[in-house]
N, C-alpha and C. Protein backbone atom coordinates (compact mmCIF):
# COMPACT_ATOMS: atom_id res chain seq x y z
N MET A 1 -9.61 -16.20 -33.38
CA MET A 1 -8.51 -16.38 -32.48
C MET A 1 -8.66 -15.36 -31.34
N SER A 2 -8.71 -15.83 -30.12
CA SER A 2 -8.87 -14.91 -28.99
C SER A 2 -7.52 -14.40 -28.53
N ARG A 3 -7.56 -13.21 -28.04
CA ARG A 3 -6.33 -12.59 -27.56
C ARG A 3 -6.30 -12.68 -26.05
N LYS A 4 -5.24 -13.21 -25.53
CA LYS A 4 -5.12 -13.39 -24.09
C LYS A 4 -4.54 -12.11 -23.49
N THR A 5 -5.27 -11.52 -22.55
CA THR A 5 -4.76 -10.33 -21.89
C THR A 5 -4.18 -10.74 -20.54
N THR A 6 -3.10 -10.11 -20.20
CA THR A 6 -2.48 -10.41 -18.92
C THR A 6 -2.83 -9.30 -17.94
N ARG A 7 -3.29 -9.71 -16.80
CA ARG A 7 -3.61 -8.77 -15.74
C ARG A 7 -2.56 -8.90 -14.66
N PRO A 8 -2.33 -7.81 -13.96
CA PRO A 8 -1.40 -7.92 -12.85
C PRO A 8 -1.96 -8.85 -11.77
N PRO A 9 -1.10 -9.48 -11.00
CA PRO A 9 -1.60 -10.33 -9.92
C PRO A 9 -2.41 -9.51 -8.93
N ARG A 10 -3.32 -10.18 -8.23
CA ARG A 10 -4.16 -9.52 -7.23
C ARG A 10 -3.88 -10.13 -5.87
N GLY A 11 -3.99 -9.31 -4.83
CA GLY A 11 -3.78 -9.85 -3.50
C GLY A 11 -4.12 -8.87 -2.40
N VAL A 12 -4.31 -9.42 -1.24
CA VAL A 12 -4.53 -8.64 -0.03
C VAL A 12 -3.18 -8.51 0.66
N VAL A 13 -2.85 -7.30 1.07
CA VAL A 13 -1.58 -7.06 1.72
C VAL A 13 -1.76 -7.24 3.22
N ASP A 14 -0.98 -8.13 3.79
CA ASP A 14 -1.06 -8.42 5.22
C ASP A 14 -0.68 -7.19 6.03
N THR A 15 -1.31 -7.04 7.19
CA THR A 15 -1.06 -5.90 8.06
C THR A 15 0.41 -5.82 8.47
N SER A 16 1.07 -6.94 8.64
CA SER A 16 2.49 -6.90 9.02
C SER A 16 3.34 -6.26 7.93
N VAL A 17 2.98 -6.46 6.67
CA VAL A 17 3.69 -5.82 5.56
C VAL A 17 3.42 -4.32 5.58
N VAL A 18 2.19 -3.95 5.89
CA VAL A 18 1.83 -2.53 5.99
C VAL A 18 2.66 -1.86 7.06
N ILE A 19 2.75 -2.47 8.23
CA ILE A 19 3.51 -1.89 9.34
C ILE A 19 4.98 -1.73 8.96
N ALA A 20 5.55 -2.77 8.39
CA ALA A 20 6.96 -2.73 8.02
C ALA A 20 7.22 -1.75 6.89
N GLY A 21 6.27 -1.58 6.00
CA GLY A 21 6.47 -0.70 4.85
C GLY A 21 6.09 0.74 5.07
N ALA A 22 5.27 1.02 6.07
CA ALA A 22 4.76 2.38 6.28
C ALA A 22 5.87 3.37 6.61
N ALA A 23 6.95 2.91 7.17
CA ALA A 23 8.06 3.82 7.50
C ALA A 23 8.57 4.55 6.25
N ALA A 24 8.44 3.94 5.10
CA ALA A 24 8.89 4.57 3.86
C ALA A 24 8.10 5.83 3.54
N PHE A 25 6.92 5.97 4.13
CA PHE A 25 6.05 7.09 3.82
C PHE A 25 6.28 8.29 4.74
N ARG A 26 7.29 8.20 5.59
CA ARG A 26 7.59 9.30 6.53
C ARG A 26 8.28 10.46 5.86
N GLY A 27 9.08 10.19 4.88
CA GLY A 27 9.86 11.26 4.25
C GLY A 27 9.47 11.47 2.81
N ALA A 28 10.05 12.50 2.24
CA ALA A 28 9.85 12.76 0.83
C ALA A 28 11.22 13.05 0.24
N PRO A 29 11.60 12.47 -0.84
CA PRO A 29 10.85 11.46 -1.59
C PRO A 29 10.83 10.12 -0.85
N LEU A 30 9.96 9.26 -1.30
CA LEU A 30 9.85 7.95 -0.67
C LEU A 30 11.12 7.15 -0.95
N ARG A 31 11.77 6.71 0.12
CA ARG A 31 12.99 5.91 -0.01
C ARG A 31 12.92 4.73 0.95
N PRO A 32 12.21 3.71 0.57
CA PRO A 32 12.07 2.57 1.47
C PRO A 32 13.38 1.81 1.63
N GLU A 33 13.60 1.33 2.84
CA GLU A 33 14.78 0.52 3.12
C GLU A 33 14.43 -0.93 3.38
N THR A 34 13.17 -1.20 3.69
CA THR A 34 12.74 -2.57 3.96
C THR A 34 12.16 -3.20 2.70
N LYS A 35 12.12 -4.52 2.68
CA LYS A 35 11.51 -5.22 1.55
C LYS A 35 10.03 -4.84 1.42
N SER A 36 9.36 -4.71 2.57
CA SER A 36 7.95 -4.33 2.54
C SER A 36 7.77 -2.94 1.95
N GLY A 37 8.62 -2.02 2.36
CA GLY A 37 8.55 -0.67 1.82
C GLY A 37 8.82 -0.63 0.33
N LYS A 38 9.78 -1.42 -0.12
CA LYS A 38 10.10 -1.49 -1.54
C LYS A 38 8.93 -2.08 -2.33
N LEU A 39 8.27 -3.09 -1.77
CA LEU A 39 7.09 -3.67 -2.42
C LEU A 39 6.01 -2.62 -2.57
N LEU A 40 5.74 -1.87 -1.52
CA LEU A 40 4.68 -0.86 -1.56
C LEU A 40 5.03 0.26 -2.54
N LEU A 41 6.27 0.70 -2.56
CA LEU A 41 6.67 1.75 -3.49
C LEU A 41 6.59 1.24 -4.93
N ARG A 42 6.98 0.00 -5.14
CA ARG A 42 6.89 -0.58 -6.49
C ARG A 42 5.43 -0.61 -6.95
N TRP A 43 4.55 -0.93 -6.02
CA TRP A 43 3.12 -0.95 -6.36
C TRP A 43 2.67 0.45 -6.77
N ILE A 44 3.08 1.48 -6.03
CA ILE A 44 2.69 2.85 -6.35
C ILE A 44 3.24 3.27 -7.71
N GLU A 45 4.50 3.01 -7.93
CA GLU A 45 5.16 3.50 -9.14
C GLU A 45 4.88 2.67 -10.39
N GLU A 46 4.76 1.37 -10.22
CA GLU A 46 4.67 0.49 -11.39
C GLU A 46 3.32 -0.21 -11.53
N ASP A 47 2.49 -0.11 -10.52
CA ASP A 47 1.19 -0.77 -10.55
C ASP A 47 1.34 -2.26 -10.87
N HIS A 48 2.29 -2.91 -10.17
CA HIS A 48 2.62 -4.30 -10.51
C HIS A 48 1.69 -5.33 -9.89
N PHE A 49 0.77 -4.92 -9.03
CA PHE A 49 -0.27 -5.84 -8.58
C PHE A 49 -1.52 -5.05 -8.21
N HIS A 50 -2.65 -5.73 -8.20
CA HIS A 50 -3.93 -5.11 -7.87
C HIS A 50 -4.20 -5.39 -6.39
N TRP A 51 -4.20 -4.34 -5.60
CA TRP A 51 -4.37 -4.46 -4.14
C TRP A 51 -5.85 -4.65 -3.83
N LEU A 52 -6.20 -5.80 -3.31
CA LEU A 52 -7.58 -6.06 -2.93
C LEU A 52 -7.80 -5.57 -1.50
N TYR A 53 -8.83 -4.80 -1.29
CA TYR A 53 -9.12 -4.27 0.04
C TYR A 53 -10.58 -3.89 0.14
N SER A 54 -11.01 -3.68 1.36
CA SER A 54 -12.33 -3.13 1.64
C SER A 54 -12.09 -1.96 2.60
N GLU A 55 -13.12 -1.20 2.86
CA GLU A 55 -12.98 -0.10 3.83
C GLU A 55 -12.62 -0.66 5.21
N GLU A 56 -13.10 -1.86 5.52
CA GLU A 56 -12.76 -2.48 6.80
C GLU A 56 -11.26 -2.79 6.88
N VAL A 57 -10.70 -3.25 5.78
CA VAL A 57 -9.26 -3.54 5.74
C VAL A 57 -8.47 -2.24 5.91
N LEU A 58 -8.87 -1.18 5.22
CA LEU A 58 -8.18 0.10 5.36
C LEU A 58 -8.30 0.63 6.79
N ASP A 59 -9.47 0.45 7.40
CA ASP A 59 -9.64 0.86 8.80
C ASP A 59 -8.71 0.08 9.72
N GLU A 60 -8.53 -1.21 9.43
CA GLU A 60 -7.61 -2.03 10.23
C GLU A 60 -6.18 -1.51 10.07
N TYR A 61 -5.78 -1.23 8.83
CA TYR A 61 -4.44 -0.67 8.60
C TYR A 61 -4.26 0.60 9.42
N LYS A 62 -5.24 1.50 9.35
CA LYS A 62 -5.12 2.78 10.07
C LYS A 62 -5.02 2.56 11.57
N GLU A 63 -5.86 1.69 12.10
CA GLU A 63 -5.86 1.43 13.55
C GLU A 63 -4.52 0.86 14.01
N ILE A 64 -4.01 -0.09 13.27
CA ILE A 64 -2.73 -0.70 13.64
C ILE A 64 -1.61 0.34 13.56
N LEU A 65 -1.60 1.13 12.52
CA LEU A 65 -0.56 2.15 12.38
C LEU A 65 -0.64 3.18 13.51
N LYS A 66 -1.86 3.53 13.93
CA LYS A 66 -2.03 4.44 15.08
C LYS A 66 -1.43 3.82 16.33
N ARG A 67 -1.66 2.52 16.53
CA ARG A 67 -1.11 1.84 17.71
C ARG A 67 0.41 1.85 17.72
N PHE A 68 1.01 1.91 16.54
CA PHE A 68 2.46 1.98 16.44
C PHE A 68 2.96 3.43 16.41
N ASN A 69 2.08 4.35 16.80
CA ASN A 69 2.40 5.78 16.91
C ASN A 69 2.84 6.41 15.60
N VAL A 70 2.28 5.94 14.50
CA VAL A 70 2.54 6.56 13.21
C VAL A 70 1.67 7.82 13.14
N ARG A 71 2.30 8.92 12.76
CA ARG A 71 1.58 10.19 12.70
C ARG A 71 0.44 10.13 11.69
N PRO A 72 -0.66 10.87 11.98
CA PRO A 72 -1.81 10.87 11.06
C PRO A 72 -1.45 11.26 9.63
N GLY A 73 -0.55 12.21 9.45
CA GLY A 73 -0.16 12.61 8.10
C GLY A 73 0.52 11.49 7.33
N VAL A 74 1.31 10.71 8.03
CA VAL A 74 1.99 9.58 7.39
C VAL A 74 0.97 8.50 7.03
N ILE A 75 0.02 8.29 7.93
CA ILE A 75 -1.04 7.30 7.64
C ILE A 75 -1.80 7.73 6.39
N GLY A 76 -2.12 9.01 6.28
CA GLY A 76 -2.81 9.51 5.10
C GLY A 76 -1.99 9.34 3.83
N ARG A 77 -0.69 9.60 3.93
CA ARG A 77 0.19 9.43 2.76
C ARG A 77 0.28 7.98 2.33
N PHE A 78 -0.03 7.08 3.24
CA PHE A 78 -0.03 5.66 2.94
C PHE A 78 -1.39 5.21 2.39
N ILE A 79 -2.47 5.57 3.08
CA ILE A 79 -3.82 5.10 2.73
C ILE A 79 -4.35 5.77 1.45
N ASN A 80 -4.14 7.06 1.29
CA ASN A 80 -4.72 7.79 0.16
C ASN A 80 -4.31 7.25 -1.20
N PRO A 81 -3.04 6.90 -1.42
CA PRO A 81 -2.70 6.33 -2.75
C PRO A 81 -3.40 4.99 -3.03
N ILE A 82 -3.66 4.24 -1.99
CA ILE A 82 -4.38 2.96 -2.20
C ILE A 82 -5.76 3.26 -2.76
N ARG A 83 -6.46 4.17 -2.12
CA ARG A 83 -7.80 4.54 -2.59
C ARG A 83 -7.75 5.14 -3.99
N GLU A 84 -6.80 6.04 -4.23
CA GLU A 84 -6.71 6.72 -5.52
C GLU A 84 -6.42 5.76 -6.66
N LYS A 85 -5.46 4.86 -6.48
CA LYS A 85 -5.11 3.93 -7.55
C LYS A 85 -6.24 2.96 -7.87
N GLN A 86 -6.92 2.50 -6.85
CA GLN A 86 -7.95 1.51 -7.07
C GLN A 86 -9.23 2.12 -7.64
N SER A 87 -9.40 3.42 -7.49
CA SER A 87 -10.62 4.03 -8.02
C SER A 87 -10.45 4.40 -9.49
N ASN A 88 -9.23 4.31 -10.00
CA ASN A 88 -8.98 4.65 -11.43
C ASN A 88 -9.40 3.53 -12.33
């Protein structure tokens, strides 16, 4: 009898969700007010989905966030957890 394992859903996060959710990473503790921010925080805290990305996708996120005048430190607080969680 085989045992069925359940994996979290996998997906690519659209850049528009990143832009809308990145504001949650400006303060500490993280307190998102948007649905996008809540989704991203839930991912960090609960690991409820597997974020599919490549370095090119992360570069796109960073470039877009820079265009929206997001400070480099905030961008790092957003990008670094993605890399850390996926490397585990």
